[in-house]
mmCIF file of all heavy atoms, coordinates in Angstrom:
data_MODEL
# 
_entry.id   MODEL 
# 
loop_
_atom_site.group_PDB 
_atom_site.id 
_atom_site.type_symbol 
_atom_site.label_atom_id 
_atom_site.label_alt_id 
_atom_site.label_comp_id 
_atom_site.label_asym_id 
_atom_site.label_entity_id 
_atom_site.label_seq_id 
_atom_site.pdbx_PDB_ins_code 
_atom_site.Cartn_x 
_atom_site.Cartn_y 
_atom_site.Cartn_z 
_atom_site.occupancy 
_atom_site.B_iso_or_equiv 
_atom_site.pdbx_formal_charge 
_atom_site.auth_seq_id 
_atom_site.auth_comp_id 
_atom_site.auth_asym_id 
_atom_site.auth_atom_id 
_atom_site.pdbx_PDB_model_num 
ATOM 1   N N   . SER A 1 1  ? -6.029 71.692 15.344 1.00 0.00 ? 1  SER A N   1 
ATOM 2   C CA  . SER A 1 1  ? -6.318 70.643 14.360 1.00 0.00 ? 1  SER A CA  1 
ATOM 3   C C   . SER A 1 1  ? -5.373 69.453 14.488 1.00 0.00 ? 1  SER A C   1 
ATOM 4   O O   . SER A 1 1  ? -5.383 68.559 13.640 1.00 0.00 ? 1  SER A O   1 
ATOM 5   C CB  . SER A 1 1  ? -6.223 71.214 12.936 1.00 0.00 ? 1  SER A CB  1 
ATOM 6   O OG  . SER A 1 1  ? -7.163 72.253 12.745 1.00 0.00 ? 1  SER A OG  1 
ATOM 7   N N   . GLY A 1 2  ? -4.560 69.453 15.532 1.00 0.00 ? 2  GLY A N   1 
ATOM 8   C CA  . GLY A 1 2  ? -3.639 68.352 15.746 1.00 0.00 ? 2  GLY A CA  1 
ATOM 9   C C   . GLY A 1 2  ? -2.407 68.393 14.869 1.00 0.00 ? 2  GLY A C   1 
ATOM 10  O O   . GLY A 1 2  ? -1.720 67.378 14.715 1.00 0.00 ? 2  GLY A O   1 
ATOM 11  N N   . ARG A 1 3  ? -2.098 69.559 14.325 1.00 0.00 ? 3  ARG A N   1 
ATOM 12  C CA  . ARG A 1 3  ? -0.921 69.694 13.456 1.00 0.00 ? 3  ARG A CA  1 
ATOM 13  C C   . ARG A 1 3  ? 0.254  70.263 14.242 1.00 0.00 ? 3  ARG A C   1 
ATOM 14  O O   . ARG A 1 3  ? 0.094  71.191 15.045 1.00 0.00 ? 3  ARG A O   1 
ATOM 15  C CB  . ARG A 1 3  ? -1.245 70.600 12.266 1.00 0.00 ? 3  ARG A CB  1 
ATOM 16  C CG  . ARG A 1 3  ? -2.414 70.118 11.424 1.00 0.00 ? 3  ARG A CG  1 
ATOM 17  C CD  . ARG A 1 3  ? -2.733 71.082 10.294 1.00 0.00 ? 3  ARG A CD  1 
ATOM 18  N NE  . ARG A 1 3  ? -2.968 72.438 10.771 1.00 0.00 ? 3  ARG A NE  1 
ATOM 19  C CZ  . ARG A 1 3  ? -3.339 73.446 9.997  1.00 0.00 ? 3  ARG A CZ  1 
ATOM 20  N NH1 . ARG A 1 3  ? -3.504 73.245 8.699  1.00 0.00 ? 3  ARG A NH1 1 
ATOM 21  N NH2 . ARG A 1 3  ? -3.544 74.640 10.511 1.00 0.00 ? 3  ARG A NH2 1 
ATOM 22  N N   . LEU A 1 4  ? 1.417  69.713 13.997 1.00 0.00 ? 4  LEU A N   1 
ATOM 23  C CA  . LEU A 1 4  ? 2.624  70.179 14.679 1.00 0.00 ? 4  LEU A CA  1 
ATOM 24  C C   . LEU A 1 4  ? 2.974  71.592 14.243 1.00 0.00 ? 4  LEU A C   1 
ATOM 25  O O   . LEU A 1 4  ? 3.041  71.883 13.048 1.00 0.00 ? 4  LEU A O   1 
ATOM 26  C CB  . LEU A 1 4  ? 3.792  69.238 14.363 1.00 0.00 ? 4  LEU A CB  1 
ATOM 27  C CG  . LEU A 1 4  ? 5.121  69.525 15.068 1.00 0.00 ? 4  LEU A CG  1 
ATOM 28  C CD1 . LEU A 1 4  ? 4.978  69.332 16.576 1.00 0.00 ? 4  LEU A CD1 1 
ATOM 29  C CD2 . LEU A 1 4  ? 6.221  68.620 14.517 1.00 0.00 ? 4  LEU A CD2 1 
ATOM 30  N N   . ILE A 1 5  ? 3.208  72.473 15.231 1.00 0.00 ? 5  ILE A N   1 
ATOM 31  C CA  . ILE A 1 5  ? 3.607  73.852 14.946 1.00 0.00 ? 5  ILE A CA  1 
ATOM 32  C C   . ILE A 1 5  ? 5.090  74.043 15.216 1.00 0.00 ? 5  ILE A C   1 
ATOM 33  O O   . ILE A 1 5  ? 5.812  74.643 14.417 1.00 0.00 ? 5  ILE A O   1 
ATOM 34  C CB  . ILE A 1 5  ? 2.793  74.846 15.789 1.00 0.00 ? 5  ILE A CB  1 
ATOM 35  C CG1 . ILE A 1 5  ? 1.307  74.757 15.452 1.00 0.00 ? 5  ILE A CG1 1 
ATOM 36  C CG2 . ILE A 1 5  ? 3.300  76.277 15.586 1.00 0.00 ? 5  ILE A CG2 1 
ATOM 37  C CD1 . ILE A 1 5  ? 0.449  75.617 16.354 1.00 0.00 ? 5  ILE A CD1 1 
ATOM 38  N N   . SER A 1 6  ? 5.556  73.549 16.372 1.00 0.00 ? 6  SER A N   1 
ATOM 39  C CA  . SER A 1 6  ? 6.970  73.674 16.716 1.00 0.00 ? 6  SER A CA  1 
ATOM 40  C C   . SER A 1 6  ? 7.414  72.459 17.507 1.00 0.00 ? 6  SER A C   1 
ATOM 41  O O   . SER A 1 6  ? 6.602  71.768 18.137 1.00 0.00 ? 6  SER A O   1 
ATOM 42  C CB  . SER A 1 6  ? 7.233  74.953 17.519 1.00 0.00 ? 6  SER A CB  1 
ATOM 43  O OG  . SER A 1 6  ? 6.595  74.901 18.778 1.00 0.00 ? 6  SER A OG  1 
ATOM 44  N N   . LEU A 1 7  ? 8.729  72.229 17.453 1.00 0.00 ? 7  LEU A N   1 
ATOM 45  C CA  . LEU A 1 7  ? 9.285  71.032 18.071 1.00 0.00 ? 7  LEU A CA  1 
ATOM 46  C C   . LEU A 1 7  ? 10.737 71.292 18.450 1.00 0.00 ? 7  LEU A C   1 
ATOM 47  O O   . LEU A 1 7  ? 11.474 71.915 17.684 1.00 0.00 ? 7  LEU A O   1 
ATOM 48  C CB  . LEU A 1 7  ? 9.208  69.864 17.077 1.00 0.00 ? 7  LEU A CB  1 
ATOM 49  C CG  . LEU A 1 7  ? 9.812  68.521 17.477 1.00 0.00 ? 7  LEU A CG  1 
ATOM 50  C CD1 . LEU A 1 7  ? 8.997  67.890 18.601 1.00 0.00 ? 7  LEU A CD1 1 
ATOM 51  C CD2 . LEU A 1 7  ? 9.862  67.583 16.272 1.00 0.00 ? 7  LEU A CD2 1 
ATOM 52  N N   . GLN A 1 8  ? 11.125 70.825 19.623 1.00 0.00 ? 8  GLN A N   1 
ATOM 53  C CA  . GLN A 1 8  ? 12.516 70.897 20.055 1.00 0.00 ? 8  GLN A CA  1 
ATOM 54  C C   . GLN A 1 8  ? 13.045 69.484 20.251 1.00 0.00 ? 8  GLN A C   1 
ATOM 55  O O   . GLN A 1 8  ? 12.517 68.728 21.057 1.00 0.00 ? 8  GLN A O   1 
ATOM 56  C CB  . GLN A 1 8  ? 12.643 71.684 21.350 1.00 0.00 ? 8  GLN A CB  1 
ATOM 57  C CG  . GLN A 1 8  ? 12.245 73.147 21.238 1.00 0.00 ? 8  GLN A CG  1 
ATOM 58  C CD  . GLN A 1 8  ? 12.406 73.889 22.548 1.00 0.00 ? 8  GLN A CD  1 
ATOM 59  O OE1 . GLN A 1 8  ? 13.320 73.623 23.318 1.00 0.00 ? 8  GLN A OE1 1 
ATOM 60  N NE2 . GLN A 1 8  ? 11.503 74.828 22.803 1.00 0.00 ? 8  GLN A NE2 1 
ATOM 61  N N   . GLN A 1 9  ? 14.069 69.131 19.502 1.00 0.00 ? 9  GLN A N   1 
ATOM 62  C CA  . GLN A 1 9  ? 14.701 67.813 19.589 1.00 0.00 ? 9  GLN A CA  1 
ATOM 63  C C   . GLN A 1 9  ? 16.154 67.909 19.159 1.00 0.00 ? 9  GLN A C   1 
ATOM 64  O O   . GLN A 1 9  ? 16.482 68.587 18.182 1.00 0.00 ? 9  GLN A O   1 
ATOM 65  C CB  . GLN A 1 9  ? 13.980 66.791 18.694 1.00 0.00 ? 9  GLN A CB  1 
ATOM 66  C CG  . GLN A 1 9  ? 12.715 66.200 19.288 1.00 0.00 ? 9  GLN A CG  1 
ATOM 67  C CD  . GLN A 1 9  ? 12.213 65.006 18.502 1.00 0.00 ? 9  GLN A CD  1 
ATOM 68  O OE1 . GLN A 1 9  ? 11.977 65.101 17.303 1.00 0.00 ? 9  GLN A OE1 1 
ATOM 69  N NE2 . GLN A 1 9  ? 12.045 63.880 19.175 1.00 0.00 ? 9  GLN A NE2 1 
ATOM 70  N N   . ASN A 1 10 ? 17.026 67.212 19.904 1.00 0.00 ? 10 ASN A N   1 
ATOM 71  C CA  . ASN A 1 10 ? 18.421 67.059 19.463 1.00 0.00 ? 10 ASN A CA  1 
ATOM 72  C C   . ASN A 1 10 ? 19.116 68.387 19.157 1.00 0.00 ? 10 ASN A C   1 
ATOM 73  O O   . ASN A 1 10 ? 19.811 68.501 18.138 1.00 0.00 ? 10 ASN A O   1 
ATOM 74  C CB  . ASN A 1 10 ? 18.485 66.167 18.227 1.00 0.00 ? 10 ASN A CB  1 
ATOM 75  C CG  . ASN A 1 10 ? 19.069 64.801 18.541 1.00 0.00 ? 10 ASN A CG  1 
ATOM 76  O OD1 . ASN A 1 10 ? 19.414 64.523 19.679 1.00 0.00 ? 10 ASN A OD1 1 
ATOM 77  N ND2 . ASN A 1 10 ? 19.168 63.965 17.533 1.00 0.00 ? 10 ASN A ND2 1 
ATOM 78  N N   . ASP A 1 11 ? 18.931 69.387 19.966 1.00 0.00 ? 11 ASP A N   1 
ATOM 79  C CA  . ASP A 1 11 ? 19.548 70.711 19.769 1.00 0.00 ? 11 ASP A CA  1 
ATOM 80  C C   . ASP A 1 11 ? 19.015 71.454 18.548 1.00 0.00 ? 11 ASP A C   1 
ATOM 81  O O   . ASP A 1 11 ? 19.576 72.476 18.152 1.00 0.00 ? 11 ASP A O   1 
ATOM 82  C CB  . ASP A 1 11 ? 21.078 70.603 19.665 1.00 0.00 ? 11 ASP A CB  1 
ATOM 83  C CG  . ASP A 1 11 ? 21.703 70.014 20.916 1.00 0.00 ? 11 ASP A CG  1 
ATOM 84  O OD1 . ASP A 1 11 ? 21.200 70.308 22.024 1.00 0.00 ? 11 ASP A OD1 1 
ATOM 85  O OD2 . ASP A 1 11 ? 22.678 69.256 20.794 1.00 0.00 ? 11 ASP A OD2 1 
ATOM 86  N N   . TRP A 1 12 ? 17.957 70.943 17.950 1.00 0.00 ? 12 TRP A N   1 
ATOM 87  C CA  . TRP A 1 12 ? 17.306 71.619 16.836 1.00 0.00 ? 12 TRP A CA  1 
ATOM 88  C C   . TRP A 1 12 ? 15.940 72.130 17.265 1.00 0.00 ? 12 TRP A C   1 
ATOM 89  O O   . TRP A 1 12 ? 15.275 71.526 18.115 1.00 0.00 ? 12 TRP A O   1 
ATOM 90  C CB  . TRP A 1 12 ? 17.096 70.672 15.655 1.00 0.00 ? 12 TRP A CB  1 
ATOM 91  C CG  . TRP A 1 12 ? 18.331 70.314 14.884 1.00 0.00 ? 12 TRP A CG  1 
ATOM 92  C CD1 . TRP A 1 12 ? 19.187 69.292 15.149 1.00 0.00 ? 12 TRP A CD1 1 
ATOM 93  C CD2 . TRP A 1 12 ? 18.833 70.959 13.711 1.00 0.00 ? 12 TRP A CD2 1 
ATOM 94  N NE1 . TRP A 1 12 ? 20.191 69.249 14.216 1.00 0.00 ? 12 TRP A NE1 1 
ATOM 95  C CE2 . TRP A 1 12 ? 19.999 70.263 13.318 1.00 0.00 ? 12 TRP A CE2 1 
ATOM 96  C CE3 . TRP A 1 12 ? 18.411 72.049 12.950 1.00 0.00 ? 12 TRP A CE3 1 
ATOM 97  C CZ2 . TRP A 1 12 ? 20.751 70.625 12.197 1.00 0.00 ? 12 TRP A CZ2 1 
ATOM 98  C CZ3 . TRP A 1 12 ? 19.153 72.405 11.832 1.00 0.00 ? 12 TRP A CZ3 1 
ATOM 99  C CH2 . TRP A 1 12 ? 20.310 71.708 11.465 1.00 0.00 ? 12 TRP A CH2 1 
ATOM 100 N N   . VAL A 1 13 ? 15.524 73.228 16.664 1.00 0.00 ? 13 VAL A N   1 
ATOM 101 C CA  . VAL A 1 13 ? 14.160 73.741 16.826 1.00 0.00 ? 13 VAL A CA  1 
ATOM 102 C C   . VAL A 1 13 ? 13.500 73.707 15.459 1.00 0.00 ? 13 VAL A C   1 
ATOM 103 O O   . VAL A 1 13 ? 14.022 74.275 14.494 1.00 0.00 ? 13 VAL A O   1 
ATOM 104 C CB  . VAL A 1 13 ? 14.142 75.175 17.383 1.00 0.00 ? 13 VAL A CB  1 
ATOM 105 C CG1 . VAL A 1 13 ? 12.707 75.710 17.424 1.00 0.00 ? 13 VAL A CG1 1 
ATOM 106 C CG2 . VAL A 1 13 ? 14.765 75.216 18.778 1.00 0.00 ? 13 VAL A CG2 1 
ATOM 107 N N   . LEU A 1 14 ? 12.382 73.011 15.374 1.00 0.00 ? 14 LEU A N   1 
ATOM 108 C CA  . LEU A 1 14 ? 11.640 72.893 14.118 1.00 0.00 ? 14 LEU A CA  1 
ATOM 109 C C   . LEU A 1 14 ? 10.361 73.714 14.204 1.00 0.00 ? 14 LEU A C   1 
ATOM 110 O O   . LEU A 1 14 ? 9.641  73.648 15.196 1.00 0.00 ? 14 LEU A O   1 
ATOM 111 C CB  . LEU A 1 14 ? 11.282 71.432 13.844 1.00 0.00 ? 14 LEU A CB  1 
ATOM 112 C CG  . LEU A 1 14 ? 10.318 71.170 12.677 1.00 0.00 ? 14 LEU A CG  1 
ATOM 113 C CD1 . LEU A 1 14 ? 11.019 71.415 11.340 1.00 0.00 ? 14 LEU A CD1 1 
ATOM 114 C CD2 . LEU A 1 14 ? 9.758  69.753 12.738 1.00 0.00 ? 14 LEU A CD2 1 
ATOM 115 N N   . LYS A 1 15 ? 10.077 74.490 13.163 1.00 0.00 ? 15 LYS A N   1 
ATOM 116 C CA  . LYS A 1 15 ? 8.825  75.235 13.066 1.00 0.00 ? 15 LYS A CA  1 
ATOM 117 C C   . LYS A 1 15 ? 8.175  74.944 11.717 1.00 0.00 ? 15 LYS A C   1 
ATOM 118 O O   . LYS A 1 15 ? 8.850  74.981 10.684 1.00 0.00 ? 15 LYS A O   1 
ATOM 119 C CB  . LYS A 1 15 ? 9.065  76.732 13.229 1.00 0.00 ? 15 LYS A CB  1 
ATOM 120 C CG  . LYS A 1 15 ? 9.561  77.135 14.624 1.00 0.00 ? 15 LYS A CG  1 
ATOM 121 C CD  . LYS A 1 15 ? 9.680  78.640 14.763 1.00 0.00 ? 15 LYS A CD  1 
ATOM 122 C CE  . LYS A 1 15 ? 10.187 79.023 16.142 1.00 0.00 ? 15 LYS A CE  1 
ATOM 123 N NZ  . LYS A 1 15 ? 9.241  78.635 17.210 1.00 0.00 ? 15 LYS A NZ  1 
ATOM 124 N N   . ILE A 1 16 ? 6.890  74.641 11.751 1.00 0.00 ? 16 ILE A N   1 
ATOM 125 C CA  . ILE A 1 16 ? 6.133  74.396 10.518 1.00 0.00 ? 16 ILE A CA  1 
ATOM 126 C C   . ILE A 1 16 ? 5.099  75.503 10.393 1.00 0.00 ? 16 ILE A C   1 
ATOM 127 O O   . ILE A 1 16 ? 4.168  75.599 11.200 1.00 0.00 ? 16 ILE A O   1 
ATOM 128 C CB  . ILE A 1 16 ? 5.456  73.015 10.538 1.00 0.00 ? 16 ILE A CB  1 
ATOM 129 C CG1 . ILE A 1 16 ? 6.503  71.923 10.762 1.00 0.00 ? 16 ILE A CG1 1 
ATOM 130 C CG2 . ILE A 1 16 ? 4.702  72.775 9.229  1.00 0.00 ? 16 ILE A CG2 1 
ATOM 131 C CD1 . ILE A 1 16 ? 5.934  70.516 10.857 1.00 0.00 ? 16 ILE A CD1 1 
ATOM 132 N N   . SER A 1 17 ? 5.268  76.359 9.399  1.00 0.00 ? 17 SER A N   1 
ATOM 133 C CA  . SER A 1 17 ? 4.438  77.559 9.291  1.00 0.00 ? 17 SER A CA  1 
ATOM 134 C C   . SER A 1 17 ? 3.261  77.393 8.336  1.00 0.00 ? 17 SER A C   1 
ATOM 135 O O   . SER A 1 17 ? 2.327  78.204 8.341  1.00 0.00 ? 17 SER A O   1 
ATOM 136 C CB  . SER A 1 17 ? 5.285  78.748 8.827  1.00 0.00 ? 17 SER A CB  1 
ATOM 137 O OG  . SER A 1 17 ? 5.900  78.481 7.575  1.00 0.00 ? 17 SER A OG  1 
ATOM 138 N N   . ARG A 1 18 ? 3.314  76.336 7.510  1.00 0.00 ? 18 ARG A N   1 
ATOM 139 C CA  . ARG A 1 18 ? 2.218  76.170 6.554  1.00 0.00 ? 18 ARG A CA  1 
ATOM 140 C C   . ARG A 1 18 ? 2.007  74.701 6.217  1.00 0.00 ? 18 ARG A C   1 
ATOM 141 O O   . ARG A 1 18 ? 2.980  73.962 6.041  1.00 0.00 ? 18 ARG A O   1 
ATOM 142 C CB  . ARG A 1 18 ? 2.497  76.957 5.265  1.00 0.00 ? 18 ARG A CB  1 
ATOM 143 C CG  . ARG A 1 18 ? 1.347  76.901 4.258  1.00 0.00 ? 18 ARG A CG  1 
ATOM 144 C CD  . ARG A 1 18 ? 1.692  77.654 2.987  1.00 0.00 ? 18 ARG A CD  1 
ATOM 145 N NE  . ARG A 1 18 ? 0.662  77.483 1.969  1.00 0.00 ? 18 ARG A NE  1 
ATOM 146 C CZ  . ARG A 1 18 ? 0.786  77.844 0.698  1.00 0.00 ? 18 ARG A CZ  1 
ATOM 147 N NH1 . ARG A 1 18 ? 1.909  78.407 0.287  1.00 0.00 ? 18 ARG A NH1 1 
ATOM 148 N NH2 . ARG A 1 18 ? -0.197 77.651 -0.157 1.00 0.00 ? 18 ARG A NH2 1 
ATOM 149 N N   . TYR A 1 19 ? 0.750  74.315 6.153  1.00 0.00 ? 19 TYR A N   1 
ATOM 150 C CA  . TYR A 1 19 ? 0.356  72.983 5.699  1.00 0.00 ? 19 TYR A CA  1 
ATOM 151 C C   . TYR A 1 19 ? -0.448 73.131 4.411  1.00 0.00 ? 19 TYR A C   1 
ATOM 152 O O   . TYR A 1 19 ? -1.025 74.180 4.145  1.00 0.00 ? 19 TYR A O   1 
ATOM 153 C CB  . TYR A 1 19 ? -0.506 72.271 6.742  1.00 0.00 ? 19 TYR A CB  1 
ATOM 154 C CG  . TYR A 1 19 ? 0.263  71.722 7.930  1.00 0.00 ? 19 TYR A CG  1 
ATOM 155 C CD1 . TYR A 1 19 ? 0.755  72.571 8.920  1.00 0.00 ? 19 TYR A CD1 1 
ATOM 156 C CD2 . TYR A 1 19 ? 0.485  70.357 8.063  1.00 0.00 ? 19 TYR A CD2 1 
ATOM 157 C CE1 . TYR A 1 19 ? 1.449  72.067 10.010 1.00 0.00 ? 19 TYR A CE1 1 
ATOM 158 C CE2 . TYR A 1 19 ? 1.174  69.841 9.149  1.00 0.00 ? 19 TYR A CE2 1 
ATOM 159 C CZ  . TYR A 1 19 ? 1.658  70.703 10.115 1.00 0.00 ? 19 TYR A CZ  1 
ATOM 160 O OH  . TYR A 1 19 ? 2.346  70.201 11.190 1.00 0.00 ? 19 TYR A OH  1 
ATOM 161 N N   . ARG A 1 20 ? -0.483 72.036 3.646  1.00 0.00 ? 20 ARG A N   1 
ATOM 162 C CA  . ARG A 1 20 ? -1.287 72.032 2.422  1.00 0.00 ? 20 ARG A CA  1 
ATOM 163 C C   . ARG A 1 20 ? -1.835 70.624 2.217  1.00 0.00 ? 20 ARG A C   1 
ATOM 164 O O   . ARG A 1 20 ? -1.186 69.638 2.581  1.00 0.00 ? 20 ARG A O   1 
ATOM 165 C CB  . ARG A 1 20 ? -0.449 72.438 1.213  1.00 0.00 ? 20 ARG A CB  1 
ATOM 166 C CG  . ARG A 1 20 ? -1.278 72.601 -0.062 1.00 0.00 ? 20 ARG A CG  1 
ATOM 167 C CD  . ARG A 1 20 ? -0.435 73.144 -1.196 1.00 0.00 ? 20 ARG A CD  1 
ATOM 168 N NE  . ARG A 1 20 ? 0.535  72.157 -1.678 1.00 0.00 ? 20 ARG A NE  1 
ATOM 169 C CZ  . ARG A 1 20 ? 1.339  72.358 -2.716 1.00 0.00 ? 20 ARG A CZ  1 
ATOM 170 N NH1 . ARG A 1 20 ? 1.311  73.520 -3.349 1.00 0.00 ? 20 ARG A NH1 1 
ATOM 171 N NH2 . ARG A 1 20 ? 2.177  71.425 -3.102 1.00 0.00 ? 20 ARG A NH2 1 
ATOM 172 N N   . GLU A 1 21 ? -3.034 70.533 1.639  1.00 0.00 ? 21 GLU A N   1 
ATOM 173 C CA  . GLU A 1 21 ? -3.645 69.225 1.445  1.00 0.00 ? 21 GLU A CA  1 
ATOM 174 C C   . GLU A 1 21 ? -2.844 68.396 0.450  1.00 0.00 ? 21 GLU A C   1 
ATOM 175 O O   . GLU A 1 21 ? -2.545 68.821 -0.661 1.00 0.00 ? 21 GLU A O   1 
ATOM 176 C CB  . GLU A 1 21 ? -5.085 69.359 0.951  1.00 0.00 ? 21 GLU A CB  1 
ATOM 177 C CG  . GLU A 1 21 ? -5.786 68.012 0.821  1.00 0.00 ? 21 GLU A CG  1 
ATOM 178 C CD  . GLU A 1 21 ? -7.240 68.133 0.422  1.00 0.00 ? 21 GLU A CD  1 
ATOM 179 O OE1 . GLU A 1 21 ? -7.843 69.196 0.678  1.00 0.00 ? 21 GLU A OE1 1 
ATOM 180 O OE2 . GLU A 1 21 ? -7.764 67.163 -0.155 1.00 0.00 ? 21 GLU A OE2 1 
ATOM 181 N N   . SER A 1 22 ? -2.518 67.194 0.885  1.00 0.00 ? 22 SER A N   1 
ATOM 182 C CA  . SER A 1 22 ? -1.823 66.223 0.037  1.00 0.00 ? 22 SER A CA  1 
ATOM 183 C C   . SER A 1 22 ? -2.322 64.842 0.408  1.00 0.00 ? 22 SER A C   1 
ATOM 184 O O   . SER A 1 22 ? -2.435 64.520 1.591  1.00 0.00 ? 22 SER A O   1 
ATOM 185 C CB  . SER A 1 22 ? -0.304 66.287 0.242  1.00 0.00 ? 22 SER A CB  1 
ATOM 186 O OG  . SER A 1 22 ? 0.214  67.548 -0.127 1.00 0.00 ? 22 SER A OG  1 
ATOM 187 N N   . ALA A 1 23 ? -2.650 64.049 -0.577 1.00 0.00 ? 23 ALA A N   1 
ATOM 188 C CA  . ALA A 1 23 ? -3.143 62.683 -0.358 1.00 0.00 ? 23 ALA A CA  1 
ATOM 189 C C   . ALA A 1 23 ? -4.352 62.663 0.563  1.00 0.00 ? 23 ALA A C   1 
ATOM 190 O O   . ALA A 1 23 ? -4.526 61.742 1.350  1.00 0.00 ? 23 ALA A O   1 
ATOM 191 C CB  . ALA A 1 23 ? -2.035 61.800 0.203  1.00 0.00 ? 23 ALA A CB  1 
ATOM 192 N N   . GLY A 1 24 ? -5.167 63.698 0.485  1.00 0.00 ? 24 GLY A N   1 
ATOM 193 C CA  . GLY A 1 24 ? -6.403 63.747 1.246  1.00 0.00 ? 24 GLY A CA  1 
ATOM 194 C C   . GLY A 1 24 ? -6.281 64.288 2.654  1.00 0.00 ? 24 GLY A C   1 
ATOM 195 O O   . GLY A 1 24 ? -7.289 64.384 3.365  1.00 0.00 ? 24 GLY A O   1 
ATOM 196 N N   . GLN A 1 25 ? -5.067 64.671 3.079  1.00 0.00 ? 25 GLN A N   1 
ATOM 197 C CA  . GLN A 1 25 ? -4.873 65.181 4.433  1.00 0.00 ? 25 GLN A CA  1 
ATOM 198 C C   . GLN A 1 25 ? -3.941 66.395 4.404  1.00 0.00 ? 25 GLN A C   1 
ATOM 199 O O   . GLN A 1 25 ? -3.261 66.653 3.412  1.00 0.00 ? 25 GLN A O   1 
ATOM 200 C CB  . GLN A 1 25 ? -4.281 64.096 5.344  1.00 0.00 ? 25 GLN A CB  1 
ATOM 201 C CG  . GLN A 1 25 ? -5.149 62.862 5.505  1.00 0.00 ? 25 GLN A CG  1 
ATOM 202 C CD  . GLN A 1 25 ? -6.452 63.142 6.227  1.00 0.00 ? 25 GLN A CD  1 
ATOM 203 O OE1 . GLN A 1 25 ? -6.534 64.053 7.054  1.00 0.00 ? 25 GLN A OE1 1 
ATOM 204 N NE2 . GLN A 1 25 ? -7.489 62.361 5.931  1.00 0.00 ? 25 GLN A NE2 1 
ATOM 205 N N   . GLU A 1 26 ? -3.919 67.131 5.523  1.00 0.00 ? 26 GLU A N   1 
ATOM 206 C CA  . GLU A 1 26 ? -3.034 68.291 5.627  1.00 0.00 ? 26 GLU A CA  1 
ATOM 207 C C   . GLU A 1 26 ? -1.613 67.827 5.950  1.00 0.00 ? 26 GLU A C   1 
ATOM 208 O O   . GLU A 1 26 ? -1.373 67.188 6.980  1.00 0.00 ? 26 GLU A O   1 
ATOM 209 C CB  . GLU A 1 26 ? -3.535 69.221 6.744  1.00 0.00 ? 26 GLU A CB  1 
ATOM 210 C CG  . GLU A 1 26 ? -4.870 69.880 6.447  1.00 0.00 ? 26 GLU A CG  1 
ATOM 211 C CD  . GLU A 1 26 ? -4.735 70.957 5.384  1.00 0.00 ? 26 GLU A CD  1 
ATOM 212 O OE1 . GLU A 1 26 ? -3.819 71.788 5.506  1.00 0.00 ? 26 GLU A OE1 1 
ATOM 213 O OE2 . GLU A 1 26 ? -5.534 70.951 4.434  1.00 0.00 ? 26 GLU A OE2 1 
# 
């Protein structure tokens, strides 16, 4: 769906495990 799941930047690892509808979008 084009949503970010994981990201590696600047010695950090980001994980997004849940989205929710806000302002008409996920």
